[in-house]
Amino acid sequence: MMERDQEIECSICRRANPSFEALNHQINQAKTPAEKAPFAQELIQKVGAVLNEHQTSGGMLTEACRTLLGLRRQTAELILKFRR
């Protein structure tokens, strides 16, 4: 059974999600870590920008967003680590 995409409740993350999806698609289409690296670097920058937007927010939703953004950044950092 296929799962439906879940909508992000946070307006900041919802607004940034199309950019994340586009970068993820480009990373997935690239064949080698070296080809994936520029997109991974861009993803890290985008994550940083979205995290900055969350600085004045609080609560459980914000913490969930920060966790998700941290996972996105860690994934991109792994790609950069193996680009050699």
PDB file of N, CA and C in Angstrom:
ATOM      1  N   MET A   1       0.837  -1.170   0.000  1.00  0.00           N
ATOM      2  CA  MET A   1       0.000   0.000   0.000  1.00  0.00           C
ATOM      3  C   MET A   1       0.890   1.244   0.000  1.00  0.00           C
ATOM      4  N   MET A   2       0.565   2.202  -0.867  1.00  0.00           N
ATOM      5  CA  MET A   2       1.330   3.435  -0.947  1.00  0.00           C
ATOM      6  C   MET A   2       0.847   4.433   0.083  1.00  0.00           C
ATOM      7  N   GLU A   3       1.817   5.118   0.669  1.00  0.00           N
ATOM      8  CA  GLU A   3       1.470   6.154   1.626  1.00  0.00           C
ATOM      9  C   GLU A   3       1.242   7.468   0.897  1.00  0.00           C
ATOM     10  N   ARG A   4       0.313   8.237   1.398  1.00  0.00           N
ATOM     11  CA  ARG A   4       0.103   9.575   0.846  1.00  0.00           C
ATOM     12  C   ARG A   4       1.179  10.497   1.391  1.00  0.00           C
ATOM     13  N   ASP A   5       1.537  11.491   0.575  1.00  0.00           N
ATOM     14  CA  ASP A   5       2.454  12.508   1.062  1.00  0.00           C
ATOM     15  C   ASP A   5       1.784  13.243   2.209  1.00  0.00           C
ATOM     16  N   GLN A   6       2.556  13.503   3.239  1.00  0.00           N
ATOM     17  CA  GLN A   6       2.013  14.243   4.364  1.00  0.00           C
ATOM     18  C   GLN A   6       2.331  15.715   4.186  1.00  0.00           C
ATOM     19  N   GLU A   7       1.362  16.545   4.458  1.00  0.00           N
ATOM     20  CA  GLU A   7       1.563  17.981   4.344  1.00  0.00           C
ATOM     21  C   GLU A   7       2.274  18.487   5.588  1.00  0.00           C
ATOM     22  N   ILE A   8       3.190  19.394   5.376  1.00  0.00           N
ATOM     23  CA  ILE A   8       3.928  20.003   6.465  1.00  0.00           C
ATOM     24  C   ILE A   8       3.064  21.110   7.060  1.00  0.00           C
ATOM     25  N   GLU A   9       2.870  21.070   8.358  1.00  0.00           N
ATOM     26  CA  GLU A   9       2.007  22.058   9.008  1.00  0.00           C
ATOM     27  C   GLU A   9       2.689  23.409   9.180  1.00  0.00           C
ATOM     28  N   CYS A  10       3.986  23.419   9.305  1.00  0.00           N
ATOM     29  CA  CYS A  10       4.730  24.661   9.524  1.00  0.00           C
ATOM     30  C   CYS A  10       4.749  25.480   8.232  1.00  0.00           C
ATOM     31  N   SER A  11       4.313  26.729   8.316  1.00  0.00           N
ATOM     32  CA  SER A  11       4.253  27.561   7.108  1.00  0.00           C
ATOM     33  C   SER A  11       5.642  27.854   6.545  1.00  0.00           C
ATOM     34  N   ILE A  12       6.641  27.962   7.400  1.00  0.00           N
ATOM     35  CA  ILE A  12       8.009  28.216   6.936  1.00  0.00           C
ATOM     36  C   ILE A  12       8.513  27.024   6.127  1.00  0.00           C
ATOM     37  N   CYS A  13       8.365  25.830   6.676  1.00  0.00           N
ATOM     38  CA  CYS A  13       8.835  24.623   5.977  1.00  0.00           C
ATOM     39  C   CYS A  13       7.980  24.321   4.749  1.00  0.00           C
ATOM     40  N   ARG A  14       6.705  24.583   4.845  1.00  0.00           N
ATOM     41  CA  ARG A  14       5.822  24.350   3.699  1.00  0.00           C
ATOM     42  C   ARG A  14       6.228  25.241   2.520  1.00  0.00           C
ATOM     43  N   ARG A  15       6.594  26.477   2.815  1.00  0.00           N
ATOM     44  CA  ARG A  15       7.032  27.414   1.784  1.00  0.00           C
ATOM     45  C   ARG A  15       8.372  26.975   1.172  1.00  0.00           C
ATOM     46  N   ALA A  16       9.262  26.398   1.977  1.00  0.00           N
ATOM     47  CA  ALA A  16      10.584  25.980   1.503  1.00  0.00           C
ATOM     48  C   ALA A  16      10.565  24.600   0.851  1.00  0.00           C
ATOM     49  N   ASN A  17       9.538  23.818   1.099  1.00  0.00           N
ATOM     50  CA  ASN A  17       9.512  22.430   0.642  1.00  0.00           C
ATOM     51  C   ASN A  17       9.698  22.249  -0.868  1.00  0.00           C
ATOM     52  N   PRO A  18       9.098  23.065  -1.733  1.00  0.00           N
ATOM     53  CA  PRO A  18       9.345  22.867  -3.172  1.00  0.00           C
ATOM     54  C   PRO A  18      10.827  22.967  -3.543  1.00  0.00           C
ATOM     55  N   SER A  19      11.548  23.872  -2.896  1.00  0.00           N
ATOM     56  CA  SER A  19      12.992  23.981  -3.148  1.00  0.00           C
ATOM     57  C   SER A  19      13.716  22.727  -2.684  1.00  0.00           C
ATOM     58  N   PHE A  20      13.343  22.229  -1.505  1.00  0.00           N
ATOM     59  CA  PHE A  20      13.960  21.003  -1.002  1.00  0.00           C
ATOM     60  C   PHE A  20      13.679  19.830  -1.941  1.00  0.00           C
ATOM     61  N   GLU A  21      12.440  19.729  -2.389  1.00  0.00           N
ATOM     62  CA  GLU A  21      12.072  18.634  -3.287  1.00  0.00           C
ATOM     63  C   GLU A  21      12.847  18.711  -4.597  1.00  0.00           C
ATOM     64  N   ALA A  22      13.003  19.919  -5.138  1.00  0.00           N
ATOM     65  CA  ALA A  22      13.749  20.087  -6.391  1.00  0.00           C
ATOM     66  C   ALA A  22      15.214  19.697  -6.208  1.00  0.00           C
ATOM     67  N   LEU A  23      15.812  20.119  -5.098  1.00  0.00           N
ATOM     68  CA  LEU A  23      17.208  19.758  -4.842  1.00  0.00           C
ATOM     69  C   LEU A  23      17.355  18.256  -4.625  1.00  0.00           C
ATOM     70  N   ASN A  24      16.431  17.657  -3.893  1.00  0.00           N
ATOM     71  CA  ASN A  24      16.472  16.202  -3.695  1.00  0.00           C
ATOM     72  C   ASN A  24      16.376  15.474  -5.027  1.00  0.00           C
ATOM     73  N   HIS A  25      15.523  15.961  -5.907  1.00  0.00           N
ATOM     74  CA  HIS A  25      15.375  15.347  -7.227  1.00  0.00           C
ATOM     75  C   HIS A  25      16.690  15.445  -8.002  1.00  0.00           C
ATOM     76  N   GLN A  26      17.325  16.610  -7.968  1.00  0.00           N
ATOM     77  CA  GLN A  26      18.595  16.778  -8.673  1.00  0.00           C
ATOM     78  C   GLN A  26      19.676  15.874  -8.088  1.00  0.00           C
ATOM     79  N   ILE A  27      19.705  15.749  -6.778  1.00  0.00           N
ATOM     80  CA  ILE A  27      20.670  14.850  -6.131  1.00  0.00           C
ATOM     81  C   ILE A  27      20.412  13.418  -6.571  1.00  0.00           C
ATOM     82  N   ASN A  28      19.160  13.011  -6.581  1.00  0.00           N
ATOM     83  CA  ASN A  28      18.824  11.638  -6.960  1.00  0.00           C
ATOM     84  C   ASN A  28      19.116  11.348  -8.426  1.00  0.00           C
ATOM     85  N   GLN A  29      19.029  12.353  -9.282  1.00  0.00           N
ATOM     86  CA  GLN A  29      19.291  12.158 -10.705  1.00  0.00           C
ATOM     87  C   GLN A  29      20.786  12.102 -11.016  1.00  0.00           C
ATOM     88  N   ALA A  30      21.603  12.736 -10.199  1.00  0.00           N
ATOM     89  CA  ALA A  30      23.049  12.730 -10.422  1.00  0.00           C
ATOM     90  C   ALA A  30      23.595  11.324 -10.178  1.00  0.00           C
ATOM     91  N   LYS A  31      24.594  10.951 -10.963  1.00  0.00           N
ATOM     92  CA  LYS A  31      25.115   9.580 -10.912  1.00  0.00           C
ATOM     93  C   LYS A  31      26.185   9.375  -9.843  1.00  0.00           C
ATOM     94  N   THR A  32      27.069  10.338  -9.672  1.00  0.00           N
ATOM     95  CA  THR A  32      28.206  10.153  -8.762  1.00  0.00           C
ATOM     96  C   THR A  32      28.135  11.164  -7.621  1.00  0.00           C
ATOM     97  N   PRO A  33      28.833  10.866  -6.525  1.00  0.00           N
ATOM     98  CA  PRO A  33      28.873  11.847  -5.434  1.00  0.00           C
ATOM     99  C   PRO A  33      29.412  13.211  -5.883  1.00  0.00           C
ATOM    100  N   ALA A  34      30.369  13.215  -6.813  1.00  0.00           N
ATOM    101  CA  ALA A  34      30.904  14.488  -7.314  1.00  0.00           C
ATOM    102  C   ALA A  34      29.829  15.283  -8.055  1.00  0.00           C
ATOM    103  N   GLU A  35      28.967  14.593  -8.790  1.00  0.00           N
ATOM    104  CA  GLU A  35      27.871  15.272  -9.488  1.00  0.00           C
ATOM    105  C   GLU A  35      26.793  15.736  -8.512  1.00  0.00           C
ATOM    106  N   LYS A  36      26.634  15.015  -7.419  1.00  0.00           N
ATOM    107  CA  LYS A  36      25.625  15.351  -6.418  1.00  0.00           C
ATOM    108  C   LYS A  36      26.064  16.516  -5.528  1.00  0.00           C
ATOM    109  N   ALA A  37      27.382  16.719  -5.407  1.00  0.00           N
ATOM    110  CA  ALA A  37      27.944  17.670  -4.445  1.00  0.00           C
ATOM    111  C   ALA A  37      27.403  19.097  -4.567  1.00  0.00           C
ATOM    112  N   PRO A  38      27.325  19.687  -5.771  1.00  0.00           N
ATOM    113  CA  PRO A  38      26.819  21.071  -5.827  1.00  0.00           C
ATOM    114  C   PRO A  38      25.380  21.204  -5.317  1.00  0.00           C
ATOM    115  N   PHE A  39      24.575  20.200  -5.587  1.00  0.00           N
ATOM    116  CA  PHE A  39      23.186  20.224  -5.122  1.00  0.00           C
ATOM    117  C   PHE A  39      23.128  20.020  -3.606  1.00  0.00           C
ATOM    118  N   ALA A  40      24.013  19.166  -3.094  1.00  0.00           N
ATOM    119  CA  ALA A  40      24.081  18.948  -1.649  1.00  0.00           C
ATOM    120  C   ALA A  40      24.509  20.226  -0.939  1.00  0.00           C
ATOM    121  N   GLN A  41      25.480  20.930  -1.514  1.00  0.00           N
ATOM    122  CA  GLN A  41      25.931  22.191  -0.930  1.00  0.00           C
ATOM    123  C   GLN A  41      24.802  23.218  -0.927  1.00  0.00           C
ATOM    124  N   GLU A  42      24.069  23.280  -2.005  1.00  0.00           N
ATOM    125  CA  GLU A  42      22.931  24.202  -2.086  1.00  0.00           C
ATOM    126  C   GLU A  42      21.856  23.827  -1.064  1.00  0.00           C
ATOM    127  N   LEU A  43      21.653  22.528  -0.865  1.00  0.00           N
ATOM    128  CA  LEU A  43      20.678  22.063   0.117  1.00  0.00           C
ATOM    129  C   LEU A  43      21.090  22.488   1.524  1.00  0.00           C
ATOM    130  N   ILE A  44      22.373  22.368   1.838  1.00  0.00           N
ATOM    131  CA  ILE A  44      22.870  22.788   3.148  1.00  0.00           C
ATOM    132  C   ILE A  44      22.616  24.282   3.358  1.00  0.00           C
ATOM    133  N   GLN A  45      22.868  25.082   2.335  1.00  0.00           N
ATOM    134  CA  GLN A  45      22.628  26.525   2.438  1.00  0.00           C
ATOM    135  C   GLN A  45      21.148  26.826   2.642  1.00  0.00           C
ATOM    136  N   LYS A  46      20.293  26.122   1.921  1.00  0.00           N
ATOM    137  CA  LYS A  46      18.847  26.327   2.046  1.00  0.00           C
ATOM    138  C   LYS A  46      18.369  25.929   3.442  1.00  0.00           C
ATOM    139  N   VAL A  47      18.885  24.814   3.952  1.00  0.00           N
ATOM    140  CA  VAL A  47      18.528  24.379   5.305  1.00  0.00           C
ATOM    141  C   VAL A  47      18.918  25.458   6.314  1.00  0.00           C
ATOM    142  N   GLY A  48      20.121  26.003   6.164  1.00  0.00           N
ATOM    143  CA  GLY A  48      20.565  27.062   7.073  1.00  0.00           C
ATOM    144  C   GLY A  48      19.642  28.266   7.049  1.00  0.00           C
ATOM    145  N   ALA A  49      19.223  28.654   5.859  1.00  0.00           N
ATOM    146  CA  ALA A  49      18.322  29.797   5.723  1.00  0.00           C
ATOM    147  C   ALA A  49      16.973  29.525   6.393  1.00  0.00           C
ATOM    148  N   VAL A  50      16.455  28.330   6.203  1.00  0.00           N
ATOM    149  CA  VAL A  50      15.156  27.986   6.798  1.00  0.00           C
ATOM    150  C   VAL A  50      15.282  27.869   8.318  1.00  0.00           C
ATOM    151  N   LEU A  51      16.398  27.328   8.795  1.00  0.00           N
ATOM    152  CA  LEU A  51      16.622  27.279  10.244  1.00  0.00           C
ATOM    153  C   LEU A  51      16.655  28.688  10.834  1.00  0.00           C
ATOM    154  N   ASN A  52      17.267  29.622  10.128  1.00  0.00           N
ATOM    155  CA  ASN A  52      17.297  31.011  10.603  1.00  0.00           C
ATOM    156  C   ASN A  52      15.896  31.592  10.719  1.00  0.00           C
ATOM    157  N   GLU A  53      15.017  31.220   9.803  1.00  0.00           N
ATOM    158  CA  GLU A  53      13.634  31.708   9.872  1.00  0.00           C
ATOM    159  C   GLU A  53      12.909  31.170  11.099  1.00  0.00           C
ATOM    160  N   HIS A  54      13.360  30.031  11.617  1.00  0.00           N
ATOM    161  CA  HIS A  54      12.729  29.413  12.783  1.00  0.00           C
ATOM    162  C   HIS A  54      13.253  29.974  14.108  1.00  0.00           C
ATOM    163  N   GLN A  55      14.233  30.854  14.080  1.00  0.00           N
ATOM    164  CA  GLN A  55      14.855  31.329  15.318  1.00  0.00           C
ATOM    165  C   GLN A  55      13.879  31.981  16.277  1.00  0.00           C
ATOM    166  N   THR A  56      12.896  32.664  15.767  1.00  0.00           N
ATOM    167  CA  THR A  56      11.958  33.357  16.651  1.00  0.00           C
ATOM    168  C   THR A  56      10.740  32.506  16.992  1.00  0.00           C
ATOM    169  N   SER A  57      10.699  31.298  16.447  1.00  0.00           N
ATOM    170  CA  SER A  57       9.564  30.405  16.699  1.00  0.00           C
ATOM    171  C   SER A  57       9.885  29.476  17.857  1.00  0.00           C
ATOM    172  N   GLY A  58       8.849  28.918  18.426  1.00  0.00           N
ATOM    173  CA  GLY A  58       9.018  27.951  19.497  1.00  0.00           C
ATOM    174  C   GLY A  58       7.944  26.895  19.421  1.00  0.00           C
ATOM    175  N   GLY A  59       8.018  25.950  20.306  1.00  0.00           N
ATOM    176  CA  GLY A  59       6.994  24.923  20.385  1.00  0.00           C
ATOM    177  C   GLY A  59       7.395  23.616  19.734  1.00  0.00           C
ATOM    178  N   MET A  60       6.498  22.666  19.856  1.00  0.00           N
ATOM    179  CA  MET A  60       6.771  21.311  19.368  1.00  0.00           C
ATOM    180  C   MET A  60       6.892  21.261  17.851  1.00  0.00           C
ATOM    181  N   LEU A  61       6.084  22.010  17.142  1.00  0.00           N
ATOM    182  CA  LEU A  61       6.144  22.014  15.685  1.00  0.00           C
ATOM    183  C   LEU A  61       7.495  22.539  15.209  1.00  0.00           C
ATOM    184  N   THR A  62       7.972  23.591  15.845  1.00  0.00           N
ATOM    185  CA  THR A  62       9.276  24.143  15.486  1.00  0.00           C
ATOM    186  C   THR A  62      10.377  23.127  15.757  1.00  0.00           C
ATOM    187  N   GLU A  63      10.302  22.431  16.876  1.00  0.00           N
ATOM    188  CA  GLU A  63      11.308  21.408  17.185  1.00  0.00           C
ATOM    189  C   GLU A  63      11.269  20.279  16.158  1.00  0.00           C
ATOM    190  N   ALA A  64      10.080  19.893  15.739  1.00  0.00           N
ATOM    191  CA  ALA A  64       9.963  18.851  14.708  1.00  0.00           C
ATOM    192  C   ALA A  64      10.584  19.331  13.399  1.00  0.00           C
ATOM    193  N   CYS A  65      10.342  20.581  13.055  1.00  0.00           N
ATOM    194  CA  CYS A  65      10.932  21.147  11.835  1.00  0.00           C
ATOM    195  C   CYS A  65      12.449  21.168  11.934  1.00  0.00           C
ATOM    196  N   ARG A  66      12.967  21.593  13.064  1.00  0.00           N
ATOM    197  CA  ARG A  66      14.423  21.638  13.252  1.00  0.00           C
ATOM    198  C   ARG A  66      15.028  20.244  13.129  1.00  0.00           C
ATOM    199  N   THR A  67      14.342  19.253  13.662  1.00  0.00           N
ATOM    200  CA  THR A  67      14.827  17.876  13.547  1.00  0.00           C
ATOM    201  C   THR A  67      14.855  17.439  12.091  1.00  0.00           C
ATOM    202  N   LEU A  68      13.788  17.688  11.372  1.00  0.00           N
ATOM    203  CA  LEU A  68      13.718  17.328   9.955  1.00  0.00           C
ATOM    204  C   LEU A  68      14.787  18.062   9.152  1.00  0.00           C
ATOM    205  N   LEU A  69      14.959  19.338   9.425  1.00  0.00           N
ATOM    206  CA  LEU A  69      15.982  20.115   8.726  1.00  0.00           C
ATOM    207  C   LEU A  69      17.380  19.593   9.047  1.00  0.00           C
ATOM    208  N   GLY A  70      17.594  19.190  10.290  1.00  0.00           N
ATOM    209  CA  GLY A  70      18.879  18.605  10.668  1.00  0.00           C
ATOM    210  C   GLY A  70      19.166  17.321   9.911  1.00  0.00           C
ATOM    211  N   LEU A  71      18.148  16.512   9.708  1.00  0.00           N
ATOM    212  CA  LEU A  71      18.316  15.275   8.936  1.00  0.00           C
ATOM    213  C   LEU A  71      18.639  15.578   7.478  1.00  0.00           C
ATOM    214  N   ARG A  72      17.994  16.584   6.918  1.00  0.00           N
ATOM    215  CA  ARG A  72      18.304  16.992   5.541  1.00  0.00           C
ATOM    216  C   ARG A  72      19.768  17.423   5.439  1.00  0.00           C
ATOM    217  N   ARG A  73      20.212  18.214   6.410  1.00  0.00           N
ATOM    218  CA  ARG A  73      21.594  18.689   6.392  1.00  0.00           C
ATOM    219  C   ARG A  73      22.576  17.525   6.548  1.00  0.00           C
ATOM    220  N   GLN A  74      22.301  16.605   7.450  1.00  0.00           N
ATOM    221  CA  GLN A  74      23.190  15.454   7.645  1.00  0.00           C
ATOM    222  C   GLN A  74      23.309  14.618   6.377  1.00  0.00           C
ATOM    223  N   THR A  75      22.211  14.425   5.692  1.00  0.00           N
ATOM    224  CA  THR A  75      22.232  13.666   4.439  1.00  0.00           C
ATOM    225  C   THR A  75      23.102  14.368   3.411  1.00  0.00           C
ATOM    226  N   ALA A  76      22.935  15.672   3.277  1.00  0.00           N
ATOM    227  CA  ALA A  76      23.743  16.438   2.322  1.00  0.00           C
ATOM    228  C   ALA A  76      25.220  16.409   2.711  1.00  0.00           C
ATOM    229  N   GLU A  77      25.512  16.479   3.998  1.00  0.00           N
ATOM    230  CA  GLU A  77      26.902  16.429   4.454  1.00  0.00           C
ATOM    231  C   GLU A  77      27.542  15.083   4.139  1.00  0.00           C
ATOM    232  N   LEU A  78      26.779  14.006   4.230  1.00  0.00           N
ATOM    233  CA  LEU A  78      27.306  12.686   3.859  1.00  0.00           C
ATOM    234  C   LEU A  78      27.674  12.636   2.384  1.00  0.00           C
ATOM    235  N   ILE A  79      26.856  13.226   1.556  1.00  0.00           N
ATOM    236  CA  ILE A  79      27.155  13.273   0.121  1.00  0.00           C
ATOM    237  C   ILE A  79      28.470  14.008  -0.099  1.00  0.00           C
ATOM    238  N   LEU A  80      28.642  15.141   0.560  1.00  0.00           N
ATOM    239  CA  LEU A  80      29.872  15.911   0.403  1.00  0.00           C
ATOM    240  C   LEU A  80      31.085  15.144   0.918  1.00  0.00           C
ATOM    241  N   LYS A  81      30.899  14.381   1.966  1.00  0.00           N
ATOM    242  CA  LYS A  81      32.001  13.601   2.538  1.00  0.00           C
ATOM    243  C   LYS A  81      32.513  12.555   1.548  1.00  0.00           C
ATOM    244  N   PHE A  82      31.625  11.991   0.744  1.00  0.00           N
ATOM    245  CA  PHE A  82      31.998  10.903  -0.161  1.00  0.00           C
ATOM    246  C   PHE A  82      32.165  11.346  -1.607  1.00  0.00           C
ATOM    247  N   ARG A  83      32.308  12.630  -1.851  1.00  0.00           N
ATOM    248  CA  ARG A  83      32.409  13.104  -3.237  1.00  0.00           C
ATOM    249  C   ARG A  83      33.756  12.844  -3.881  1.00  0.00           C
ATOM    250  N   ARG A  84      34.726  12.454  -3.125  1.00  0.00           N
ATOM    251  CA  ARG A  84      36.071  12.218  -3.667  1.00  0.00           C
ATOM    252  C   ARG A  84      36.109  11.093  -4.642  1.00  0.00           C
TER     253      ARG A  84
END
